[in-house]
């Protein structure tokens, strides 16, 4: 049976007893690694309402760590637009997550492999 690198560090034990898929999913979602991604998933789903349809077509939230929301823009002009609206985007993104979550925003430009960035 294949094992992942982190399997030895898991706190739960393996069992041959059947477990419902719902229980497995609930346990996985309770883990830190999945909980960190949930706010970004919520923002991605609500992004058109947060930034508007046009800006949402050219930007996407990519991470939220320690209150800093990173937003990726498709190109330089859209990056400039997002930087110009950064304060409003931060406020609206924070409101979409219930408040007290997004404390700063950073805009990066280009594809994931492209490191041109900053805001």
PDB file of N, CA and C in Angstrom:
ATOM      1  N   UNK A   1       0.848  -1.182   0.000  1.00  0.00           N
ATOM      2  CA  UNK A   1       0.000   0.000   0.000  1.00  0.00           C
ATOM      3  C   UNK A   1       0.893   1.244   0.000  1.00  0.00           C
ATOM      4  N   UNK A   2       0.613   2.212  -0.868  1.00  0.00           N
ATOM      5  CA  UNK A   2       1.455   3.416  -0.916  1.00  0.00           C
ATOM      6  C   UNK A   2       1.324   4.242   0.361  1.00  0.00           C
ATOM      7  N   UNK A   3       2.399   4.906   0.676  1.00  0.00           N
ATOM      8  CA  UNK A   3       2.421   5.780   1.844  1.00  0.00           C
ATOM      9  C   UNK A   3       2.930   7.149   1.419  1.00  0.00           C
ATOM     10  N   UNK A   4       2.325   8.187   1.963  1.00  0.00           N
ATOM     11  CA  UNK A   4       2.824   9.531   1.698  1.00  0.00           C
ATOM     12  C   UNK A   4       3.949   9.833   2.670  1.00  0.00           C
ATOM     13  N   UNK A   5       4.756  10.851   2.351  1.00  0.00           N
ATOM     14  CA  UNK A   5       5.873  11.223   3.216  1.00  0.00           C
ATOM     15  C   UNK A   5       5.417  11.536   4.628  1.00  0.00           C
ATOM     16  N   UNK A   6       4.291  12.228   4.752  1.00  0.00           N
ATOM     17  CA  UNK A   6       3.836  12.682   6.057  1.00  0.00           C
ATOM     18  C   UNK A   6       3.013  11.679   6.831  1.00  0.00           C
ATOM     19  N   UNK A   7       2.824  10.476   6.290  1.00  0.00           N
ATOM     20  CA  UNK A   7       1.948   9.520   6.958  1.00  0.00           C
ATOM     21  C   UNK A   7       2.445   9.165   8.353  1.00  0.00           C
ATOM     22  N   UNK A   8       3.747   9.018   8.523  1.00  0.00           N
ATOM     23  CA  UNK A   8       4.291   8.636   9.830  1.00  0.00           C
ATOM     24  C   UNK A   8       4.023   9.700  10.887  1.00  0.00           C
ATOM     25  N   UNK A   9       3.815  10.936  10.473  1.00  0.00           N
ATOM     26  CA  UNK A   9       3.581  12.020  11.421  1.00  0.00           C
ATOM     27  C   UNK A   9       2.110  12.199  11.781  1.00  0.00           C
ATOM     28  N   UNK A  10       1.226  11.432  11.188  1.00  0.00           N
ATOM     29  CA  UNK A  10      -0.214  11.583  11.434  1.00  0.00           C
ATOM     30  C   UNK A  10      -0.563  11.100  12.834  1.00  0.00           C
ATOM     31  N   UNK A  11      -1.519  11.761  13.461  1.00  0.00           N
ATOM     32  CA  UNK A  11      -1.918  11.392  14.821  1.00  0.00           C
ATOM     33  C   UNK A  11      -2.995  10.310  14.830  1.00  0.00           C
ATOM     34  N   UNK A  12      -3.725  10.161  13.717  1.00  0.00           N
ATOM     35  CA  UNK A  12      -4.752   9.124  13.684  1.00  0.00           C
ATOM     36  C   UNK A  12      -4.124   7.783  13.296  1.00  0.00           C
ATOM     37  N   UNK A  13      -4.822   6.726  13.608  1.00  0.00           N
ATOM     38  CA  UNK A  13      -4.302   5.390  13.314  1.00  0.00           C
ATOM     39  C   UNK A  13      -5.091   4.763  12.176  1.00  0.00           C
ATOM     40  N   UNK A  14      -4.441   3.838  11.507  1.00  0.00           N
ATOM     41  CA  UNK A  14      -5.108   3.121  10.426  1.00  0.00           C
ATOM     42  C   UNK A  14      -5.969   2.031  11.020  1.00  0.00           C
ATOM     43  N   UNK A  15      -7.036   1.714  10.311  1.00  0.00           N
ATOM     44  CA  UNK A  15      -7.947   0.674  10.761  1.00  0.00           C
ATOM     45  C   UNK A  15      -8.492  -0.042   9.541  1.00  0.00           C
ATOM     46  N   UNK A  16      -8.810  -1.288   9.716  1.00  0.00           N
ATOM     47  CA  UNK A  16      -9.426  -2.036   8.617  1.00  0.00           C
ATOM     48  C   UNK A  16     -10.951  -1.934   8.680  1.00  0.00           C
ATOM     49  N   UNK A  17     -11.448  -1.214   9.683  1.00  0.00           N
ATOM     50  CA  UNK A  17     -12.890  -1.019   9.837  1.00  0.00           C
ATOM     51  C   UNK A  17     -13.386   0.004   8.822  1.00  0.00           C
ATOM     52  N   UNK A  18     -14.556  -0.224   8.255  1.00  0.00           N
ATOM     53  CA  UNK A  18     -15.102   0.758   7.310  1.00  0.00           C
ATOM     54  C   UNK A  18     -15.460   2.071   8.016  1.00  0.00           C
ATOM     55  N   UNK A  19     -15.221   3.158   7.311  1.00  0.00           N
ATOM     56  CA  UNK A  19     -15.520   4.484   7.827  1.00  0.00           C
ATOM     57  C   UNK A  19     -16.260   5.235   6.727  1.00  0.00           C
ATOM     58  N   UNK A  20     -17.274   6.002   7.104  1.00  0.00           N
ATOM     59  CA  UNK A  20     -18.020   6.732   6.079  1.00  0.00           C
ATOM     60  C   UNK A  20     -17.138   7.820   5.475  1.00  0.00           C
ATOM     61  N   UNK A  21     -17.343   8.088   4.202  1.00  0.00           N
ATOM     62  CA  UNK A  21     -16.564   9.111   3.509  1.00  0.00           C
ATOM     63  C   UNK A  21     -16.773  10.480   4.159  1.00  0.00           C
ATOM     64  N   UNK A  22     -17.963  10.738   4.680  1.00  0.00           N
ATOM     65  CA  UNK A  22     -18.238  11.993   5.372  1.00  0.00           C
ATOM     66  C   UNK A  22     -17.351  12.180   6.586  1.00  0.00           C
ATOM     67  N   UNK A  23     -17.122  11.106   7.348  1.00  0.00           N
ATOM     68  CA  UNK A  23     -16.235  11.186   8.512  1.00  0.00           C
ATOM     69  C   UNK A  23     -14.795  11.476   8.085  1.00  0.00           C
ATOM     70  N   UNK A  24     -14.367  10.847   7.000  1.00  0.00           N
ATOM     71  CA  UNK A  24     -13.014  11.070   6.497  1.00  0.00           C
ATOM     72  C   UNK A  24     -12.848  12.529   6.072  1.00  0.00           C
ATOM     73  N   UNK A  25     -13.810  13.040   5.310  1.00  0.00           N
ATOM     74  CA  UNK A  25     -13.743  14.422   4.844  1.00  0.00           C
ATOM     75  C   UNK A  25     -13.775  15.390   6.015  1.00  0.00           C
ATOM     76  N   UNK A  26     -14.654  15.163   6.981  1.00  0.00           N
ATOM     77  CA  UNK A  26     -14.721  16.032   8.161  1.00  0.00           C
ATOM     78  C   UNK A  26     -13.388  16.073   8.894  1.00  0.00           C
ATOM     79  N   UNK A  27     -12.737  14.915   9.062  1.00  0.00           N
ATOM     80  CA  UNK A  27     -11.440  14.880   9.751  1.00  0.00           C
ATOM     81  C   UNK A  27     -10.367  15.618   8.948  1.00  0.00           C
ATOM     82  N   UNK A  28     -10.384  15.433   7.631  1.00  0.00           N
ATOM     83  CA  UNK A  28      -9.404  16.131   6.790  1.00  0.00           C
ATOM     84  C   UNK A  28      -9.596  17.639   6.848  1.00  0.00           C
ATOM     85  N   UNK A  29     -10.838  18.091   6.767  1.00  0.00           N
ATOM     86  CA  UNK A  29     -11.110  19.526   6.782  1.00  0.00           C
ATOM     87  C   UNK A  29     -10.782  20.169   8.116  1.00  0.00           C
ATOM     88  N   UNK A  30     -10.722  19.393   9.163  1.00  0.00           N
ATOM     89  CA  UNK A  30     -10.375  19.928  10.483  1.00  0.00           C
ATOM     90  C   UNK A  30      -8.870  20.156  10.621  1.00  0.00           C
ATOM     91  N   UNK A  31      -8.070  19.589   9.713  1.00  0.00           N
ATOM     92  CA  UNK A  31      -6.623  19.749   9.787  1.00  0.00           C
ATOM     93  C   UNK A  31      -6.207  21.141   9.322  1.00  0.00           C
ATOM     94  N   UNK A  32      -5.139  21.652   9.912  1.00  0.00           N
ATOM     95  CA  UNK A  32      -4.647  23.004   9.621  1.00  0.00           C
ATOM     96  C   UNK A  32      -4.391  23.249   8.148  1.00  0.00           C
ATOM     97  N   UNK A  33      -3.791  22.287   7.483  1.00  0.00           N
ATOM     98  CA  UNK A  33      -3.425  22.497   6.080  1.00  0.00           C
ATOM     99  C   UNK A  33      -4.655  22.784   5.216  1.00  0.00           C
ATOM    100  N   UNK A  34      -5.771  22.178   5.520  1.00  0.00           N
ATOM    101  CA  UNK A  34      -6.987  22.429   4.761  1.00  0.00           C
ATOM    102  C   UNK A  34      -7.690  23.691   5.229  1.00  0.00           C
ATOM    103  N   UNK A  35      -7.662  23.968   6.524  1.00  0.00           N
ATOM    104  CA  UNK A  35      -8.320  25.164   7.048  1.00  0.00           C
ATOM    105  C   UNK A  35      -7.681  26.435   6.513  1.00  0.00           C
ATOM    106  N   UNK A  36      -6.375  26.432   6.266  1.00  0.00           N
ATOM    107  CA  UNK A  36      -5.708  27.613   5.728  1.00  0.00           C
ATOM    108  C   UNK A  36      -6.225  27.940   4.337  1.00  0.00           C
ATOM    109  N   UNK A  37      -6.591  26.941   3.556  1.00  0.00           N
ATOM    110  CA  UNK A  37      -7.058  27.169   2.194  1.00  0.00           C
ATOM    111  C   UNK A  37      -8.516  27.551   2.101  1.00  0.00           C
ATOM    112  N   UNK A  38      -9.278  27.351   3.142  1.00  0.00           N
ATOM    113  CA  UNK A  38     -10.718  27.610   3.084  1.00  0.00           C
ATOM    114  C   UNK A  38     -11.052  29.078   2.833  1.00  0.00           C
ATOM    115  N   UNK A  39     -10.414  30.048   3.502  1.00  0.00           N
ATOM    116  CA  UNK A  39     -10.744  31.447   3.202  1.00  0.00           C
ATOM    117  C   UNK A  39     -10.456  31.819   1.744  1.00  0.00           C
ATOM    118  N   UNK A  40      -9.387  31.297   1.173  1.00  0.00           N
ATOM    119  CA  UNK A  40      -9.074  31.589  -0.226  1.00  0.00           C
ATOM    120  C   UNK A  40     -10.142  30.980  -1.129  1.00  0.00           C
ATOM    121  N   UNK A  41     -10.594  29.793  -0.793  1.00  0.00           N
ATOM    122  CA  UNK A  41     -11.665  29.166  -1.577  1.00  0.00           C
ATOM    123  C   UNK A  41     -12.953  29.994  -1.485  1.00  0.00           C
ATOM    124  N   UNK A  42     -13.264  30.492  -0.300  1.00  0.00           N
ATOM    125  CA  UNK A  42     -14.447  31.346  -0.131  1.00  0.00           C
ATOM    126  C   UNK A  42     -14.310  32.613  -0.969  1.00  0.00           C
ATOM    127  N   UNK A  43     -13.134  33.230  -0.931  1.00  0.00           N
ATOM    128  CA  UNK A  43     -12.916  34.448  -1.712  1.00  0.00           C
ATOM    129  C   UNK A  43     -12.983  34.169  -3.213  1.00  0.00           C
ATOM    130  N   UNK A  44     -12.419  33.060  -3.642  1.00  0.00           N
ATOM    131  CA  UNK A  44     -12.452  32.717  -5.063  1.00  0.00           C
ATOM    132  C   UNK A  44     -13.887  32.598  -5.550  1.00  0.00           C
ATOM    133  N   UNK A  45     -14.713  31.962  -4.752  1.00  0.00           N
ATOM    134  CA  UNK A  45     -16.126  31.801  -5.111  1.00  0.00           C
ATOM    135  C   UNK A  45     -16.841  33.152  -5.165  1.00  0.00           C
ATOM    136  N   UNK A  46     -16.519  34.055  -4.259  1.00  0.00           N
ATOM    137  CA  UNK A  46     -17.197  35.359  -4.170  1.00  0.00           C
ATOM    138  C   UNK A  46     -16.444  36.468  -4.917  1.00  0.00           C
ATOM    139  N   UNK A  47     -15.333  36.153  -5.572  1.00  0.00           N
ATOM    140  CA  UNK A  47     -14.466  37.170  -6.152  1.00  0.00           C
ATOM    141  C   UNK A  47     -15.185  38.158  -7.072  1.00  0.00           C
ATOM    142  N   UNK A  48     -16.073  37.712  -7.971  1.00  0.00           N
ATOM    143  CA  UNK A  48     -16.772  38.692  -8.823  1.00  0.00           C
ATOM    144  C   UNK A  48     -17.583  39.717  -8.020  1.00  0.00           C
ATOM    145  N   UNK A  49     -18.151  39.319  -6.895  1.00  0.00           N
ATOM    146  CA  UNK A  49     -18.892  40.255  -6.053  1.00  0.00           C
ATOM    147  C   UNK A  49     -17.932  41.159  -5.269  1.00  0.00           C
ATOM    148  N   UNK A  50     -16.756  40.653  -4.945  1.00  0.00           N
ATOM    149  CA  UNK A  50     -15.786  41.424  -4.167  1.00  0.00           C
ATOM    150  C   UNK A  50     -15.157  42.522  -5.020  1.00  0.00           C
ATOM    151  N   UNK A  51     -14.727  42.176  -6.250  1.00  0.00           N
ATOM    152  CA  UNK A  51     -13.982  43.144  -7.066  1.00  0.00           C
ATOM    153  C   UNK A  51     -14.714  43.579  -8.334  1.00  0.00           C
ATOM    154  N   UNK A  52     -15.845  42.965  -8.639  1.00  0.00           N
ATOM    155  CA  UNK A  52     -16.559  43.277  -9.870  1.00  0.00           C
ATOM    156  C   UNK A  52     -16.184  42.284 -10.968  1.00  0.00           C
ATOM    157  N   UNK A  53     -17.078  42.110 -11.909  1.00  0.00           N
ATOM    158  CA  UNK A  53     -16.912  41.115 -12.969  1.00  0.00           C
ATOM    159  C   UNK A  53     -15.645  41.333 -13.799  1.00  0.00           C
ATOM    160  N   UNK A  54     -15.391  42.569 -14.221  1.00  0.00           N
ATOM    161  CA  UNK A  54     -14.243  42.839 -15.109  1.00  0.00           C
ATOM    162  C   UNK A  54     -12.918  42.579 -14.418  1.00  0.00           C
ATOM    163  N   UNK A  55     -12.755  43.084 -13.200  1.00  0.00           N
ATOM    164  CA  UNK A  55     -11.503  42.866 -12.479  1.00  0.00           C
ATOM    165  C   UNK A  55     -11.362  41.392 -12.074  1.00  0.00           C
ATOM    166  N   UNK A  56     -12.470  40.741 -11.765  1.00  0.00           N
ATOM    167  CA  UNK A  56     -12.430  39.322 -11.394  1.00  0.00           C
ATOM    168  C   UNK A  56     -11.967  38.455 -12.563  1.00  0.00           C
ATOM    169  N   UNK A  57     -12.257  38.883 -13.789  1.00  0.00           N
ATOM    170  CA  UNK A  57     -11.833  38.119 -14.965  1.00  0.00           C
ATOM    171  C   UNK A  57     -10.315  38.182 -15.161  1.00  0.00           C
ATOM    172  N   UNK A  58      -9.652  39.185 -14.574  1.00  0.00           N
ATOM    173  CA  UNK A  58      -8.218  39.378 -14.776  1.00  0.00           C
ATOM    174  C   UNK A  58      -7.393  39.192 -13.502  1.00  0.00           C
ATOM    175  N   UNK A  59      -8.045  38.930 -12.371  1.00  0.00           N
ATOM    176  CA  UNK A  59      -7.329  38.743 -11.106  1.00  0.00           C
ATOM    177  C   UNK A  59      -7.914  37.554 -10.368  1.00  0.00           C
ATOM    178  N   UNK A  60      -7.141  37.049  -9.430  1.00  0.00           N
ATOM    179  CA  UNK A  60      -7.632  35.965  -8.583  1.00  0.00           C
ATOM    180  C   UNK A  60      -6.895  35.974  -7.244  1.00  0.00           C
ATOM    181  N   UNK A  61      -7.595  35.662  -6.158  1.00  0.00           N
ATOM    182  CA  UNK A  61      -6.900  35.531  -4.877  1.00  0.00           C
ATOM    183  C   UNK A  61      -6.113  34.216  -4.886  1.00  0.00           C
ATOM    184  N   UNK A  62      -4.848  34.254  -4.459  1.00  0.00           N
ATOM    185  CA  UNK A  62      -4.043  33.033  -4.505  1.00  0.00           C
ATOM    186  C   UNK A  62      -3.611  32.516  -3.141  1.00  0.00           C
ATOM    187  N   UNK A  63      -3.515  33.405  -2.156  1.00  0.00           N
ATOM    188  CA  UNK A  63      -3.167  32.922  -0.818  1.00  0.00           C
ATOM    189  C   UNK A  63      -3.558  33.963   0.224  1.00  0.00           C
ATOM    190  N   UNK A  64      -3.680  33.484   1.451  1.00  0.00           N
ATOM    191  CA  UNK A  64      -3.960  34.348   2.592  1.00  0.00           C
ATOM    192  C   UNK A  64      -3.175  33.784   3.765  1.00  0.00           C
ATOM    193  N   UNK A  65      -2.082  34.445   4.092  1.00  0.00           N
ATOM    194  CA  UNK A  65      -1.226  34.008   5.183  1.00  0.00           C
ATOM    195  C   UNK A  65      -0.997  35.173   6.126  1.00  0.00           C
ATOM    196  N   UNK A  66      -1.212  34.942   7.395  1.00  0.00           N
ATOM    197  CA  UNK A  66      -0.980  35.958   8.432  1.00  0.00           C
ATOM    198  C   UNK A  66      -1.663  37.279   8.099  1.00  0.00           C
ATOM    199  N   UNK A  67      -2.866  37.198   7.526  1.00  0.00           N
ATOM    200  CA  UNK A  67      -3.654  38.383   7.228  1.00  0.00           C
ATOM    201  C   UNK A  67      -3.334  39.051   5.900  1.00  0.00           C
ATOM    202  N   UNK A  68      -2.288  38.600   5.203  1.00  0.00           N
ATOM    203  CA  UNK A  68      -1.902  39.199   3.922  1.00  0.00           C
ATOM    204  C   UNK A  68      -2.524  38.418   2.765  1.00  0.00           C
ATOM    205  N   UNK A  69      -3.420  39.076   2.054  1.00  0.00           N
ATOM    206  CA  UNK A  69      -4.061  38.473   0.886  1.00  0.00           C
ATOM    207  C   UNK A  69      -3.201  38.758  -0.342  1.00  0.00           C
ATOM    208  N   UNK A  70      -2.800  37.705  -1.030  1.00  0.00           N
ATOM    209  CA  UNK A  70      -2.049  37.850  -2.267  1.00  0.00           C
ATOM    210  C   UNK A  70      -3.026  37.662  -3.424  1.00  0.00           C
ATOM    211  N   UNK A  71      -3.031  38.643  -4.326  1.00  0.00           N
ATOM    212  CA  UNK A  71      -3.914  38.629  -5.491  1.00  0.00           C
ATOM    213  C   UNK A  71      -3.039  38.614  -6.733  1.00  0.00           C
ATOM    214  N   UNK A  72      -3.285  37.670  -7.620  1.00  0.00           N
ATOM    215  CA  UNK A  72      -2.537  37.578  -8.868  1.00  0.00           C
ATOM    216  C   UNK A  72      -3.321  38.268  -9.978  1.00  0.00           C
ATOM    217  N   UNK A  73      -2.636  39.175 -10.695  1.00  0.00           N
ATOM    218  CA  UNK A  73      -3.221  39.874 -11.839  1.00  0.00           C
ATOM    219  C   UNK A  73      -2.632  39.283 -13.120  1.00  0.00           C
ATOM    220  N   UNK A  74      -3.442  39.248 -14.169  1.00  0.00           N
ATOM    221  CA  UNK A  74      -3.035  38.620 -15.427  1.00  0.00           C
ATOM    222  C   UNK A  74      -1.871  39.338 -16.098  1.00  0.00           C
ATOM    223  N   UNK A  75      -1.832  40.658 -16.005  1.00  0.00           N
ATOM    224  CA  UNK A  75      -0.775  41.423 -16.667  1.00  0.00           C
ATOM    225  C   UNK A  75      -0.580  42.758 -15.962  1.00  0.00           C
ATOM    226  N   UNK A  76       0.378  43.535 -16.458  1.00  0.00           N
ATOM    227  CA  UNK A  76       0.724  44.809 -15.828  1.00  0.00           C
ATOM    228  C   UNK A  76      -0.414  45.798 -15.691  1.00  0.00           C
ATOM    229  N   UNK A  77      -1.188  46.044 -16.767  1.00  0.00           N
ATOM    230  CA  UNK A  77      -2.293  46.994 -16.629  1.00  0.00           C
ATOM    231  C   UNK A  77      -3.326  46.570 -15.586  1.00  0.00           C
ATOM    232  N   UNK A  78      -3.653  45.275 -15.554  1.00  0.00           N
ATOM    233  CA  UNK A  78      -4.606  44.815 -14.538  1.00  0.00           C
ATOM    234  C   UNK A  78      -3.980  44.861 -13.150  1.00  0.00           C
ATOM    235  N   UNK A  79      -2.671  44.625 -13.076  1.00  0.00           N
ATOM    236  CA  UNK A  79      -1.971  44.750 -11.798  1.00  0.00           C
ATOM    237  C   UNK A  79      -2.023  46.178 -11.285  1.00  0.00           C
ATOM    238  N   UNK A  80      -1.828  47.140 -12.196  1.00  0.00           N
ATOM    239  CA  UNK A  80      -1.918  48.556 -11.815  1.00  0.00           C
ATOM    240  C   UNK A  80      -3.312  48.908 -11.328  1.00  0.00           C
ATOM    241  N   UNK A  81      -4.317  48.398 -12.018  1.00  0.00           N
ATOM    242  CA  UNK A  81      -5.700  48.650 -11.614  1.00  0.00           C
ATOM    243  C   UNK A  81      -5.969  48.070 -10.225  1.00  0.00           C
ATOM    244  N   UNK A  82      -5.498  46.848 -10.003  1.00  0.00           N
ATOM    245  CA  UNK A  82      -5.704  46.204  -8.701  1.00  0.00           C
ATOM    246  C   UNK A  82      -4.952  46.958  -7.602  1.00  0.00           C
ATOM    247  N   UNK A  83      -3.743  47.435  -7.900  1.00  0.00           N
ATOM    248  CA  UNK A  83      -2.995  48.211  -6.900  1.00  0.00           C
ATOM    249  C   UNK A  83      -3.718  49.509  -6.561  1.00  0.00           C
ATOM    250  N   UNK A  84      -4.268  50.141  -7.580  1.00  0.00           N
ATOM    251  CA  UNK A  84      -5.014  51.375  -7.372  1.00  0.00           C
ATOM    252  C   UNK A  84      -6.214  51.139  -6.449  1.00  0.00           C
ATOM    253  N   UNK A  85      -6.845  49.966  -6.594  1.00  0.00           N
ATOM    254  CA  UNK A  85      -8.035  49.629  -5.798  1.00  0.00           C
ATOM    255  C   UNK A  85      -7.712  48.769  -4.576  1.00  0.00           C
ATOM    256  N   UNK A  86      -6.437  48.606  -4.244  1.00  0.00           N
ATOM    257  CA  UNK A  86      -6.024  47.678  -3.196  1.00  0.00           C
ATOM    258  C   UNK A  86      -6.727  47.907  -1.859  1.00  0.00           C
ATOM    259  N   UNK A  87      -6.861  49.160  -1.448  1.00  0.00           N
ATOM    260  CA  UNK A  87      -7.502  49.439  -0.157  1.00  0.00           C
ATOM    261  C   UNK A  87      -8.959  48.969  -0.166  1.00  0.00           C
ATOM    262  N   UNK A  88      -9.668  49.258  -1.242  1.00  0.00           N
ATOM    263  CA  UNK A  88     -11.065  48.825  -1.346  1.00  0.00           C
ATOM    264  C   UNK A  88     -11.165  47.301  -1.461  1.00  0.00           C
ATOM    265  N   UNK A  89     -10.260  46.699  -2.221  1.00  0.00           N
ATOM    266  CA  UNK A  89     -10.263  45.235  -2.346  1.00  0.00           C
ATOM    267  C   UNK A  89     -10.027  44.601  -0.989  1.00  0.00           C
ATOM    268  N   UNK A  90      -9.066  45.136  -0.222  1.00  0.00           N
ATOM    269  CA  UNK A  90      -8.792  44.586   1.107  1.00  0.00           C
ATOM    270  C   UNK A  90     -10.022  44.660   1.996  1.00  0.00           C
ATOM    271  N   UNK A  91     -10.680  45.812   1.999  1.00  0.00           N
ATOM    272  CA  UNK A  91     -11.864  46.000   2.834  1.00  0.00           C
ATOM    273  C   UNK A  91     -12.989  45.051   2.419  1.00  0.00           C
ATOM    274  N   UNK A  92     -13.243  44.968   1.127  1.00  0.00           N
ATOM    275  CA  UNK A  92     -14.336  44.121   0.643  1.00  0.00           C
ATOM    276  C   UNK A  92     -14.032  42.636   0.817  1.00  0.00           C
ATOM    277  N   UNK A  93     -12.764  42.242   0.628  1.00  0.00           N
ATOM    278  CA  UNK A  93     -12.380  40.845   0.844  1.00  0.00           C
ATOM    279  C   UNK A  93     -12.521  40.485   2.318  1.00  0.00           C
ATOM    280  N   UNK A  94     -12.111  41.398   3.193  1.00  0.00           N
ATOM    281  CA  UNK A  94     -12.245  41.166   4.629  1.00  0.00           C
ATOM    282  C   UNK A  94     -13.712  41.031   5.012  1.00  0.00           C
ATOM    283  N   UNK A  95     -14.561  41.892   4.473  1.00  0.00           N
ATOM    284  CA  UNK A  95     -15.997  41.800   4.746  1.00  0.00           C
ATOM    285  C   UNK A  95     -16.567  40.471   4.261  1.00  0.00           C
ATOM    286  N   UNK A  96     -16.115  40.013   3.087  1.00  0.00           N
ATOM    287  CA  UNK A  96     -16.607  38.750   2.535  1.00  0.00           C
ATOM    288  C   UNK A  96     -16.243  37.564   3.417  1.00  0.00           C
ATOM    289  N   UNK A  97     -15.155  37.701   4.183  1.00  0.00           N
ATOM    290  CA  UNK A  97     -14.724  36.619   5.074  1.00  0.00           C
ATOM    291  C   UNK A  97     -15.214  36.801   6.500  1.00  0.00           C
ATOM    292  N   UNK A  98     -16.009  37.819   6.747  1.00  0.00           N
ATOM    293  CA  UNK A  98     -16.578  38.015   8.070  1.00  0.00           C
ATOM    294  C   UNK A  98     -15.869  39.051   8.922  1.00  0.00           C
ATOM    295  N   UNK A  99     -14.820  39.676   8.425  1.00  0.00           N
ATOM    296  CA  UNK A  99     -14.140  40.745   9.159  1.00  0.00           C
ATOM    297  C   UNK A  99     -13.014  40.253  10.037  1.00  0.00           C
ATOM    298  N   UNK A 100     -11.974  41.077  10.143  1.00  0.00           N
ATOM    299  CA  UNK A 100     -10.845  40.757  11.002  1.00  0.00           C
ATOM    300  C   UNK A 100      -9.905  39.704  10.450  1.00  0.00           C
ATOM    301  N   UNK A 101      -9.983  39.412   9.148  1.00  0.00           N
ATOM    302  CA  UNK A 101      -9.163  38.353   8.557  1.00  0.00           C
ATOM    303  C   UNK A 101      -8.081  38.928   7.652  1.00  0.00           C
ATOM    304  N   UNK A 102      -8.457  39.829   6.754  1.00  0.00           N
ATOM    305  CA  UNK A 102      -7.522  40.403   5.779  1.00  0.00           C
ATOM    306  C   UNK A 102      -7.014  41.743   6.315  1.00  0.00           C
ATOM    307  N   UNK A 103      -5.727  41.799   6.611  1.00  0.00           N
ATOM    308  CA  UNK A 103      -5.143  43.027   7.167  1.00  0.00           C
ATOM    309  C   UNK A 103      -4.295  43.786   6.156  1.00  0.00           C
ATOM    310  N   UNK A 104      -3.846  43.084   5.115  1.00  0.00           N
ATOM    311  CA  UNK A 104      -3.056  43.737   4.066  1.00  0.00           C
ATOM    312  C   UNK A 104      -3.263  42.984   2.756  1.00  0.00           C
ATOM    313  N   UNK A 105      -2.806  43.610   1.676  1.00  0.00           N
ATOM    314  CA  UNK A 105      -2.978  43.008   0.358  1.00  0.00           C
ATOM    315  C   UNK A 105      -1.689  43.203  -0.428  1.00  0.00           C
ATOM    316  N   UNK A 106      -1.343  42.212  -1.211  1.00  0.00           N
ATOM    317  CA  UNK A 106      -0.180  42.292  -2.088  1.00  0.00           C
ATOM    318  C   UNK A 106      -0.625  41.831  -3.473  1.00  0.00           C
ATOM    319  N   UNK A 107      -0.293  42.591  -4.483  1.00  0.00           N
ATOM    320  CA  UNK A 107      -0.654  42.263  -5.853  1.00  0.00           C
ATOM    321  C   UNK A 107       0.587  41.724  -6.559  1.00  0.00           C
ATOM    322  N   UNK A 108       0.472  40.569  -7.180  1.00  0.00           N
ATOM    323  CA  UNK A 108       1.542  40.003  -7.997  1.00  0.00           C
ATOM    324  C   UNK A 108       1.043  39.947  -9.427  1.00  0.00           C
ATOM    325  N   UNK A 109       1.955  40.095 -10.375  1.00  0.00           N
ATOM    326  CA  UNK A 109       1.575  40.160 -11.779  1.00  0.00           C
ATOM    327  C   UNK A 109       2.150  38.980 -12.534  1.00  0.00           C
ATOM    328  N   UNK A 110       1.343  38.395 -13.391  1.00  0.00           N
ATOM    329  CA  UNK A 110       1.796  37.337 -14.281  1.00  0.00           C
ATOM    330  C   UNK A 110       1.390  35.961 -13.817  1.00  0.00           C
ATOM    331  N   UNK A 111       1.846  34.975 -14.568  1.00  0.00           N
ATOM    332  CA  UNK A 111       1.514  33.589 -14.261  1.00  0.00           C
ATOM    333  C   UNK A 111       2.246  33.147 -13.007  1.00  0.00           C
ATOM    334  N   UNK A 112       1.884  31.989 -12.505  1.00  0.00           N
ATOM    335  CA  UNK A 112       2.450  31.502 -11.252  1.00  0.00           C
ATOM    336  C   UNK A 112       3.968  31.353 -11.331  1.00  0.00           C
ATOM    337  N   UNK A 113       4.491  30.974 -12.474  1.00  0.00           N
ATOM    338  CA  UNK A 113       5.922  30.809 -12.622  1.00  0.00           C
ATOM    339  C   UNK A 113       6.663  32.121 -12.770  1.00  0.00           C
ATOM    340  N   UNK A 114       5.952  33.198 -13.072  1.00  0.00           N
ATOM    341  CA  UNK A 114       6.550  34.496 -13.288  1.00  0.00           C
ATOM    342  C   UNK A 114       6.696  35.213 -11.947  1.00  0.00           C
ATOM    343  N   UNK A 115       7.894  35.666 -11.603  1.00  0.00           N
ATOM    344  CA  UNK A 115       8.128  36.294 -10.295  1.00  0.00           C
ATOM    345  C   UNK A 115       8.061  37.813 -10.318  1.00  0.00           C
ATOM    346  N   UNK A 116       7.698  38.435 -11.440  1.00  0.00           N
ATOM    347  CA  UNK A 116       7.514  39.902 -11.447  1.00  0.00           C
ATOM    348  C   UNK A 116       6.357  40.214 -10.521  1.00  0.00           C
ATOM    349  N   UNK A 117       6.577  41.046  -9.538  1.00  0.00           N
ATOM    350  CA  UNK A 117       5.491  41.279  -8.586  1.00  0.00           C
ATOM    351  C   UNK A 117       5.712  42.512  -7.747  1.00  0.00           C
ATOM    352  N   UNK A 118       4.748  42.678  -6.797  1.00  0.00           N
ATOM    353  CA  UNK A 118       4.831  43.671  -5.745  1.00  0.00           C
ATOM    354  C   UNK A 118       3.650  44.579  -5.665  1.00  0.00           C
ATOM    355  N   UNK A 119       3.393  45.041  -4.491  1.00  0.00           N
ATOM    356  CA  UNK A 119       2.374  46.076  -4.283  1.00  0.00           C
ATOM    357  C   UNK A 119       2.550  46.670  -2.910  1.00  0.00           C
TER     358      UNK A 119
END
